[in-house]
């Protein structure tokens, strides 16, 4: 695990939700917090940012929850967690 900060930007455009909707619902429904891409401007409206600076088991659990949420939206979830 890196000592410094590490982030992943996920393109969630195929889900039918924008980054704000995706992040809000993911937090409300699965208790995983992500930052909407619009925090970096409208060009990133279909992105969400995930921080991976927590212990590995927490990252794995968060990825499982993200995949479950994405599947509920009929999206190819494996592209989010690979």
PDB file of N, CA and C in Angstrom:
ATOM      1  N   UNK A   1       0.841  -1.169   0.000  1.00  0.00           N
ATOM      2  CA  UNK A   1       0.000   0.000   0.000  1.00  0.00           C
ATOM      3  C   UNK A   1       0.890   1.238   0.000  1.00  0.00           C
ATOM      4  N   UNK A   2       0.600   2.193  -0.874  1.00  0.00           N
ATOM      5  CA  UNK A   2       1.431   3.398  -0.915  1.00  0.00           C
ATOM      6  C   UNK A   2       1.316   4.218   0.368  1.00  0.00           C
ATOM      7  N   UNK A   3       2.372   4.912   0.704  1.00  0.00           N
ATOM      8  CA  UNK A   3       2.370   5.787   1.875  1.00  0.00           C
ATOM      9  C   UNK A   3       1.651   7.099   1.582  1.00  0.00           C
ATOM     10  N   UNK A   4       1.644   7.529   0.342  1.00  0.00           N
ATOM     11  CA  UNK A   4       1.033   8.805  -0.043  1.00  0.00           C
ATOM     12  C   UNK A   4      -0.406   8.589  -0.500  1.00  0.00           C
ATOM     13  N   UNK A   5      -1.087   9.681  -0.815  1.00  0.00           N
ATOM     14  CA  UNK A   5      -2.459   9.601  -1.288  1.00  0.00           C
ATOM     15  C   UNK A   5      -2.549   8.943  -2.654  1.00  0.00           C
ATOM     16  N   UNK A   6      -3.656   8.276  -2.884  1.00  0.00           N
ATOM     17  CA  UNK A   6      -3.871   7.605  -4.155  1.00  0.00           C
ATOM     18  C   UNK A   6      -5.358   7.713  -4.470  1.00  0.00           C
ATOM     19  N   UNK A   7      -5.658   8.086  -5.704  1.00  0.00           N
ATOM     20  CA  UNK A   7      -7.044   8.258  -6.107  1.00  0.00           C
ATOM     21  C   UNK A   7      -7.300   7.524  -7.412  1.00  0.00           C
ATOM     22  N   UNK A   8      -8.560   7.130  -7.600  1.00  0.00           N
ATOM     23  CA  UNK A   8      -9.005   6.486  -8.832  1.00  0.00           C
ATOM     24  C   UNK A   8     -10.193   7.283  -9.344  1.00  0.00           C
ATOM     25  N   UNK A   9     -10.170   7.629 -10.622  1.00  0.00           N
ATOM     26  CA  UNK A   9     -11.321   8.259 -11.260  1.00  0.00           C
ATOM     27  C   UNK A   9     -12.067   7.187 -12.039  1.00  0.00           C
ATOM     28  N   UNK A  10     -13.344   7.047 -11.745  1.00  0.00           N
ATOM     29  CA  UNK A  10     -14.178   6.052 -12.419  1.00  0.00           C
ATOM     30  C   UNK A  10     -15.136   6.753 -13.371  1.00  0.00           C
ATOM     31  N   UNK A  11     -15.208   6.280 -14.602  1.00  0.00           N
ATOM     32  CA  UNK A  11     -16.161   6.792 -15.580  1.00  0.00           C
ATOM     33  C   UNK A  11     -17.463   6.027 -15.397  1.00  0.00           C
ATOM     34  N   UNK A  12     -18.478   6.697 -14.910  1.00  0.00           N
ATOM     35  CA  UNK A  12     -19.765   6.058 -14.641  1.00  0.00           C
ATOM     36  C   UNK A  12     -20.819   6.514 -15.653  1.00  0.00           C
ATOM     37  N   UNK A  13     -20.376   7.069 -16.780  1.00  0.00           N
ATOM     38  CA  UNK A  13     -21.287   7.591 -17.790  1.00  0.00           C
ATOM     39  C   UNK A  13     -22.294   6.581 -18.306  1.00  0.00           C
ATOM     40  N   UNK A  14     -21.923   5.308 -18.365  1.00  0.00           N
ATOM     41  CA  UNK A  14     -22.821   4.280 -18.880  1.00  0.00           C
ATOM     42  C   UNK A  14     -23.910   3.853 -17.917  1.00  0.00           C
ATOM     43  N   UNK A  15     -23.912   4.399 -16.713  1.00  0.00           N
ATOM     44  CA  UNK A  15     -24.903   3.992 -15.712  1.00  0.00           C
ATOM     45  C   UNK A  15     -26.232   4.709 -15.856  1.00  0.00           C
ATOM     46  N   UNK A  16     -26.249   5.793 -16.627  1.00  0.00           N
ATOM     47  CA  UNK A  16     -27.457   6.600 -16.712  1.00  0.00           C
ATOM     48  C   UNK A  16     -27.512   7.673 -15.639  1.00  0.00           C
ATOM     49  N   UNK A  17     -26.509   7.705 -14.768  1.00  0.00           N
ATOM     50  CA  UNK A  17     -26.424   8.715 -13.716  1.00  0.00           C
ATOM     51  C   UNK A  17     -25.210   9.596 -13.969  1.00  0.00           C
ATOM     52  N   UNK A  18     -25.290  10.861 -13.527  1.00  0.00           N
ATOM     53  CA  UNK A  18     -24.084  11.679 -13.557  1.00  0.00           C
ATOM     54  C   UNK A  18     -23.310  11.429 -12.264  1.00  0.00           C
ATOM     55  N   UNK A  19     -22.147  12.015 -12.146  1.00  0.00           N
ATOM     56  CA  UNK A  19     -21.296  11.778 -10.990  1.00  0.00           C
ATOM     57  C   UNK A  19     -21.941  12.152  -9.670  1.00  0.00           C
ATOM     58  N   UNK A  20     -22.675  13.260  -9.655  1.00  0.00           N
ATOM     59  CA  UNK A  20     -23.331  13.693  -8.416  1.00  0.00           C
ATOM     60  C   UNK A  20     -24.408  12.703  -7.991  1.00  0.00           C
ATOM     61  N   UNK A  21     -25.223  12.264  -8.942  1.00  0.00           N
ATOM     62  CA  UNK A  21     -26.277  11.290  -8.632  1.00  0.00           C
ATOM     63  C   UNK A  21     -25.680   9.962  -8.177  1.00  0.00           C
ATOM     64  N   UNK A  22     -24.650   9.510  -8.894  1.00  0.00           N
ATOM     65  CA  UNK A  22     -24.005   8.237  -8.565  1.00  0.00           C
ATOM     66  C   UNK A  22     -23.427   8.288  -7.155  1.00  0.00           C
ATOM     67  N   UNK A  23     -22.663   9.334  -6.856  1.00  0.00           N
ATOM     68  CA  UNK A  23     -22.026   9.458  -5.537  1.00  0.00           C
ATOM     69  C   UNK A  23     -23.064   9.558  -4.427  1.00  0.00           C
ATOM     70  N   UNK A  24     -24.116  10.324  -4.658  1.00  0.00           N
ATOM     71  CA  UNK A  24     -25.156  10.499  -3.645  1.00  0.00           C
ATOM     72  C   UNK A  24     -25.877   9.182  -3.361  1.00  0.00           C
ATOM     73  N   UNK A  25     -26.278   8.481  -4.410  1.00  0.00           N
ATOM     74  CA  UNK A  25     -26.990   7.211  -4.219  1.00  0.00           C
ATOM     75  C   UNK A  25     -26.092   6.132  -3.634  1.00  0.00           C
ATOM     76  N   UNK A  26     -24.832   6.094  -4.065  1.00  0.00           N
ATOM     77  CA  UNK A  26     -23.895   5.110  -3.531  1.00  0.00           C
ATOM     78  C   UNK A  26     -23.724   5.299  -2.027  1.00  0.00           C
ATOM     79  N   UNK A  27     -23.618   6.536  -1.590  1.00  0.00           N
ATOM     80  CA  UNK A  27     -23.488   6.816  -0.161  1.00  0.00           C
ATOM     81  C   UNK A  27     -24.767   6.439   0.582  1.00  0.00           C
ATOM     82  N   UNK A  28     -25.899   6.853   0.043  1.00  0.00           N
ATOM     83  CA  UNK A  28     -27.185   6.608   0.703  1.00  0.00           C
ATOM     84  C   UNK A  28     -27.545   5.123   0.749  1.00  0.00           C
ATOM     85  N   UNK A  29     -27.282   4.408  -0.331  1.00  0.00           N
ATOM     86  CA  UNK A  29     -27.726   3.018  -0.440  1.00  0.00           C
ATOM     87  C   UNK A  29     -26.685   1.986  -0.002  1.00  0.00           C
ATOM     88  N   UNK A  30     -25.389   2.340  -0.111  1.00  0.00           N
ATOM     89  CA  UNK A  30     -24.338   1.347   0.165  1.00  0.00           C
ATOM     90  C   UNK A  30     -23.254   1.855   1.111  1.00  0.00           C
ATOM     91  N   UNK A  31     -23.404   3.070   1.607  1.00  0.00           N
ATOM     92  CA  UNK A  31     -22.486   3.642   2.611  1.00  0.00           C
ATOM     93  C   UNK A  31     -21.037   3.726   2.130  1.00  0.00           C
ATOM     94  N   UNK A  32     -20.869   4.030   0.838  1.00  0.00           N
ATOM     95  CA  UNK A  32     -19.537   4.259   0.272  1.00  0.00           C
ATOM     96  C   UNK A  32     -19.498   5.706  -0.205  1.00  0.00           C
ATOM     97  N   UNK A  33     -18.514   6.437   0.255  1.00  0.00           N
ATOM     98  CA  UNK A  33     -18.393   7.851  -0.084  1.00  0.00           C
ATOM     99  C   UNK A  33     -17.406   8.052  -1.225  1.00  0.00           C
ATOM    100  N   UNK A  34     -17.856   8.783  -2.243  1.00  0.00           N
ATOM    101  CA  UNK A  34     -17.010   9.159  -3.380  1.00  0.00           C
ATOM    102  C   UNK A  34     -17.254  10.628  -3.671  1.00  0.00           C
ATOM    103  N   UNK A  35     -16.301  11.251  -4.332  1.00  0.00           N
ATOM    104  CA  UNK A  35     -16.444  12.655  -4.706  1.00  0.00           C
ATOM    105  C   UNK A  35     -16.912  12.737  -6.159  1.00  0.00           C
ATOM    106  N   UNK A  36     -17.992  13.495  -6.415  1.00  0.00           N
ATOM    107  CA  UNK A  36     -18.430  13.661  -7.801  1.00  0.00           C
ATOM    108  C   UNK A  36     -17.359  14.378  -8.619  1.00  0.00           C
ATOM    109  N   UNK A  37     -17.242  14.002  -9.870  1.00  0.00           N
ATOM    110  CA  UNK A  37     -16.261  14.632 -10.745  1.00  0.00           C
ATOM    111  C   UNK A  37     -16.487  16.112 -10.956  1.00  0.00           C
ATOM    112  N   UNK A  38     -17.719  16.577 -10.789  1.00  0.00           N
ATOM    113  CA  UNK A  38     -17.999  17.997 -10.993  1.00  0.00           C
ATOM    114  C   UNK A  38     -17.240  18.882 -10.013  1.00  0.00           C
ATOM    115  N   UNK A  39     -16.674  18.299  -8.984  1.00  0.00           N
ATOM    116  CA  UNK A  39     -15.808  19.063  -8.083  1.00  0.00           C
ATOM    117  C   UNK A  39     -14.595  19.595  -8.842  1.00  0.00           C
ATOM    118  N   UNK A  40     -14.308  18.997 -10.001  1.00  0.00           N
ATOM    119  CA  UNK A  40     -13.169  19.387 -10.829  1.00  0.00           C
ATOM    120  C   UNK A  40     -13.616  20.080 -12.110  1.00  0.00           C
ATOM    121  N   UNK A  41     -14.900  20.412 -12.216  1.00  0.00           N
ATOM    122  CA  UNK A  41     -15.440  21.092 -13.387  1.00  0.00           C
ATOM    123  C   UNK A  41     -16.428  20.218 -14.141  1.00  0.00           C
ATOM    124  N   UNK A  42     -17.237  20.855 -14.978  1.00  0.00           N
ATOM    125  CA  UNK A  42     -18.286  20.152 -15.720  1.00  0.00           C
ATOM    126  C   UNK A  42     -17.742  19.119 -16.698  1.00  0.00           C
ATOM    127  N   UNK A  43     -16.499  19.272 -17.120  1.00  0.00           N
ATOM    128  CA  UNK A  43     -15.905  18.304 -18.039  1.00  0.00           C
ATOM    129  C   UNK A  43     -15.837  16.913 -17.409  1.00  0.00           C
ATOM    130  N   UNK A  44     -15.875  16.855 -16.086  1.00  0.00           N
ATOM    131  CA  UNK A  44     -15.778  15.581 -15.359  1.00  0.00           C
ATOM    132  C   UNK A  44     -17.121  15.145 -14.781  1.00  0.00           C
ATOM    133  N   UNK A  45     -18.215  15.571 -15.396  1.00  0.00           N
ATOM    134  CA  UNK A  45     -19.541  15.301 -14.828  1.00  0.00           C
ATOM    135  C   UNK A  45     -19.899  13.817 -14.782  1.00  0.00           C
ATOM    136  N   UNK A  46     -19.268  12.993 -15.621  1.00  0.00           N
ATOM    137  CA  UNK A  46     -19.549  11.553 -15.627  1.00  0.00           C
ATOM    138  C   UNK A  46     -18.471  10.746 -14.919  1.00  0.00           C
ATOM    139  N   UNK A  47     -17.736  11.401 -14.022  1.00  0.00           N
ATOM    140  CA  UNK A  47     -16.686  10.736 -13.257  1.00  0.00           C
ATOM    141  C   UNK A  47     -16.975  10.843 -11.769  1.00  0.00           C
ATOM    142  N   UNK A  48     -16.451   9.896 -11.016  1.00  0.00           N
ATOM    143  CA  UNK A  48     -16.425   9.979  -9.554  1.00  0.00           C
ATOM    144  C   UNK A  48     -14.998   9.658  -9.123  1.00  0.00           C
ATOM    145  N   UNK A  49     -14.586  10.238  -8.005  1.00  0.00           N
ATOM    146  CA  UNK A  49     -13.228  10.007  -7.504  1.00  0.00           C
ATOM    147  C   UNK A  49     -13.286   9.186  -6.233  1.00  0.00           C
ATOM    148  N   UNK A  50     -12.499   8.134  -6.221  1.00  0.00           N
ATOM    149  CA  UNK A  50     -12.415   7.229  -5.076  1.00  0.00           C
ATOM    150  C   UNK A  50     -11.025   7.345  -4.473  1.00  0.00           C
ATOM    151  N   UNK A  51     -10.958   7.554  -3.180  1.00  0.00           N
ATOM    152  CA  UNK A  51      -9.687   7.570  -2.470  1.00  0.00           C
ATOM    153  C   UNK A  51      -9.353   6.147  -2.052  1.00  0.00           C
ATOM    154  N   UNK A  52      -8.130   5.731  -2.306  1.00  0.00           N
ATOM    155  CA  UNK A  52      -7.714   4.379  -1.930  1.00  0.00           C
ATOM    156  C   UNK A  52      -6.580   4.452  -0.906  1.00  0.00           C
ATOM    157  N   UNK A  53      -6.797   5.271   0.108  1.00  0.00           N
ATOM    158  CA  UNK A  53      -5.783   5.471   1.152  1.00  0.00           C
ATOM    159  C   UNK A  53      -6.165   4.803   2.461  1.00  0.00           C
ATOM    160  N   UNK A  54      -7.131   3.928   2.409  1.00  0.00           N
ATOM    161  CA  UNK A  54      -7.570   3.193   3.598  1.00  0.00           C
ATOM    162  C   UNK A  54      -6.992   1.779   3.531  1.00  0.00           C
ATOM    163  N   UNK A  55      -7.110   1.000   4.586  1.00  0.00           N
ATOM    164  CA  UNK A  55      -6.591  -0.374   4.553  1.00  0.00           C
ATOM    165  C   UNK A  55      -7.191  -1.191   3.404  1.00  0.00           C
ATOM    166  N   UNK A  56      -6.406  -2.129   2.910  1.00  0.00           N
ATOM    167  CA  UNK A  56      -6.795  -2.921   1.745  1.00  0.00           C
ATOM    168  C   UNK A  56      -8.140  -3.620   1.919  1.00  0.00           C
ATOM    169  N   UNK A  57      -8.437  -4.149   3.099  1.00  0.00           N
ATOM    170  CA  UNK A  57      -9.721  -4.832   3.295  1.00  0.00           C
ATOM    171  C   UNK A  57     -10.888  -3.865   3.147  1.00  0.00           C
ATOM    172  N   UNK A  58     -10.698  -2.606   3.516  1.00  0.00           N
ATOM    173  CA  UNK A  58     -11.746  -1.592   3.336  1.00  0.00           C
ATOM    174  C   UNK A  58     -11.948  -1.274   1.861  1.00  0.00           C
ATOM    175  N   UNK A  59     -10.864  -1.233   1.100  1.00  0.00           N
ATOM    176  CA  UNK A  59     -10.958  -0.982  -0.341  1.00  0.00           C
ATOM    177  C   UNK A  59     -11.702  -2.127  -1.019  1.00  0.00           C
ATOM    178  N   UNK A  60     -11.377  -3.348  -0.650  1.00  0.00           N
ATOM    179  CA  UNK A  60     -12.044  -4.517  -1.233  1.00  0.00           C
ATOM    180  C   UNK A  60     -13.538  -4.486  -0.929  1.00  0.00           C
ATOM    181  N   UNK A  61     -13.898  -4.192   0.303  1.00  0.00           N
ATOM    182  CA  UNK A  61     -15.315  -4.104   0.678  1.00  0.00           C
ATOM    183  C   UNK A  61     -16.012  -2.990  -0.097  1.00  0.00           C
ATOM    184  N   UNK A  62     -15.374  -1.834  -0.211  1.00  0.00           N
ATOM    185  CA  UNK A  62     -15.964  -0.722  -0.959  1.00  0.00           C
ATOM    186  C   UNK A  62     -16.165  -1.106  -2.422  1.00  0.00           C
ATOM    187  N   UNK A  63     -15.186  -1.774  -3.019  1.00  0.00           N
ATOM    188  CA  UNK A  63     -15.310  -2.202  -4.418  1.00  0.00           C
ATOM    189  C   UNK A  63     -16.453  -3.195  -4.595  1.00  0.00           C
ATOM    190  N   UNK A  64     -16.631  -4.095  -3.647  1.00  0.00           N
ATOM    191  CA  UNK A  64     -17.760  -5.026  -3.698  1.00  0.00           C
ATOM    192  C   UNK A  64     -19.080  -4.266  -3.659  1.00  0.00           C
ATOM    193  N   UNK A  65     -19.171  -3.270  -2.799  1.00  0.00           N
ATOM    194  CA  UNK A  65     -20.401  -2.473  -2.695  1.00  0.00           C
ATOM    195  C   UNK A  65     -20.641  -1.662  -3.965  1.00  0.00           C
ATOM    196  N   UNK A  66     -19.578  -1.086  -4.523  1.00  0.00           N
ATOM    197  CA  UNK A  66     -19.703  -0.325  -5.772  1.00  0.00           C
ATOM    198  C   UNK A  66     -20.193  -1.244  -6.886  1.00  0.00           C
ATOM    199  N   UNK A  67     -19.641  -2.446  -6.963  1.00  0.00           N
ATOM    200  CA  UNK A  67     -20.059  -3.407  -7.990  1.00  0.00           C
ATOM    201  C   UNK A  67     -21.529  -3.781  -7.827  1.00  0.00           C
ATOM    202  N   UNK A  68     -21.970  -4.024  -6.594  1.00  0.00           N
ATOM    203  CA  UNK A  68     -23.390  -4.347  -6.355  1.00  0.00           C
ATOM    204  C   UNK A  68     -24.278  -3.194  -6.812  1.00  0.00           C
ATOM    205  N   UNK A  69     -23.878  -1.972  -6.473  1.00  0.00           N
ATOM    206  CA  UNK A  69     -24.663  -0.802  -6.873  1.00  0.00           C
ATOM    207  C   UNK A  69     -24.699  -0.687  -8.396  1.00  0.00           C
ATOM    208  N   UNK A  70     -23.543  -0.831  -9.035  1.00  0.00           N
ATOM    209  CA  UNK A  70     -23.490  -0.725 -10.490  1.00  0.00           C
ATOM    210  C   UNK A  70     -24.348  -1.802 -11.146  1.00  0.00           C
ATOM    211  N   UNK A  71     -24.305  -3.018 -10.612  1.00  0.00           N
ATOM    212  CA  UNK A  71     -25.155  -4.093 -11.163  1.00  0.00           C
ATOM    213  C   UNK A  71     -26.630  -3.738 -11.044  1.00  0.00           C
ATOM    214  N   UNK A  72     -26.998  -3.081  -9.966  1.00  0.00           N
ATOM    215  CA  UNK A  72     -28.402  -2.692  -9.793  1.00  0.00           C
ATOM    216  C   UNK A  72     -28.824  -1.671 -10.848  1.00  0.00           C
ATOM    217  N   UNK A  73     -27.848  -1.017 -11.465  1.00  0.00           N
ATOM    218  CA  UNK A  73     -28.121  -0.046 -12.529  1.00  0.00           C
ATOM    219  C   UNK A  73     -27.968  -0.683 -13.909  1.00  0.00           C
ATOM    220  N   UNK A  74     -27.787  -2.012 -13.947  1.00  0.00           N
ATOM    221  CA  UNK A  74     -27.600  -2.760 -15.196  1.00  0.00           C
ATOM    222  C   UNK A  74     -26.387  -2.281 -15.974  1.00  0.00           C
ATOM    223  N   UNK A  75     -25.315  -2.007 -15.251  1.00  0.00           N
ATOM    224  CA  UNK A  75     -24.061  -1.552 -15.848  1.00  0.00           C
ATOM    225  C   UNK A  75     -23.053  -2.676 -15.749  1.00  0.00           C
ATOM    226  N   UNK A  76     -22.095  -2.719 -16.629  1.00  0.00           N
ATOM    227  CA  UNK A  76     -21.047  -3.742 -16.584  1.00  0.00           C
ATOM    228  C   UNK A  76     -20.115  -3.439 -15.428  1.00  0.00           C
ATOM    229  N   UNK A  77     -20.458  -3.928 -14.266  1.00  0.00           N
ATOM    230  CA  UNK A  77     -19.754  -3.596 -13.033  1.00  0.00           C
ATOM    231  C   UNK A  77     -18.302  -4.019 -13.035  1.00  0.00           C
ATOM    232  N   UNK A  78     -17.949  -5.063 -13.777  1.00  0.00           N
ATOM    233  CA  UNK A  78     -16.554  -5.495 -13.749  1.00  0.00           C
ATOM    234  C   UNK A  78     -15.618  -4.400 -14.235  1.00  0.00           C
ATOM    235  N   UNK A  79     -16.087  -3.485 -15.065  1.00  0.00           N
ATOM    236  CA  UNK A  79     -15.225  -2.400 -15.527  1.00  0.00           C
ATOM    237  C   UNK A  79     -14.942  -1.401 -14.414  1.00  0.00           C
ATOM    238  N   UNK A  80     -15.749  -1.391 -13.370  1.00  0.00           N
ATOM    239  CA  UNK A  80     -15.528  -0.479 -12.249  1.00  0.00           C
ATOM    240  C   UNK A  80     -14.569  -1.039 -11.217  1.00  0.00           C
ATOM    241  N   UNK A  81     -14.424  -2.336 -11.155  1.00  0.00           N
ATOM    242  CA  UNK A  81     -13.623  -2.924 -10.079  1.00  0.00           C
ATOM    243  C   UNK A  81     -12.421  -3.705 -10.578  1.00  0.00           C
ATOM    244  N   UNK A  82     -12.114  -3.629 -11.847  1.00  0.00           N
ATOM    245  CA  UNK A  82     -10.941  -4.358 -12.335  1.00  0.00           C
ATOM    246  C   UNK A  82      -9.715  -3.485 -12.325  1.00  0.00           C
TER     247      UNK A  82
END
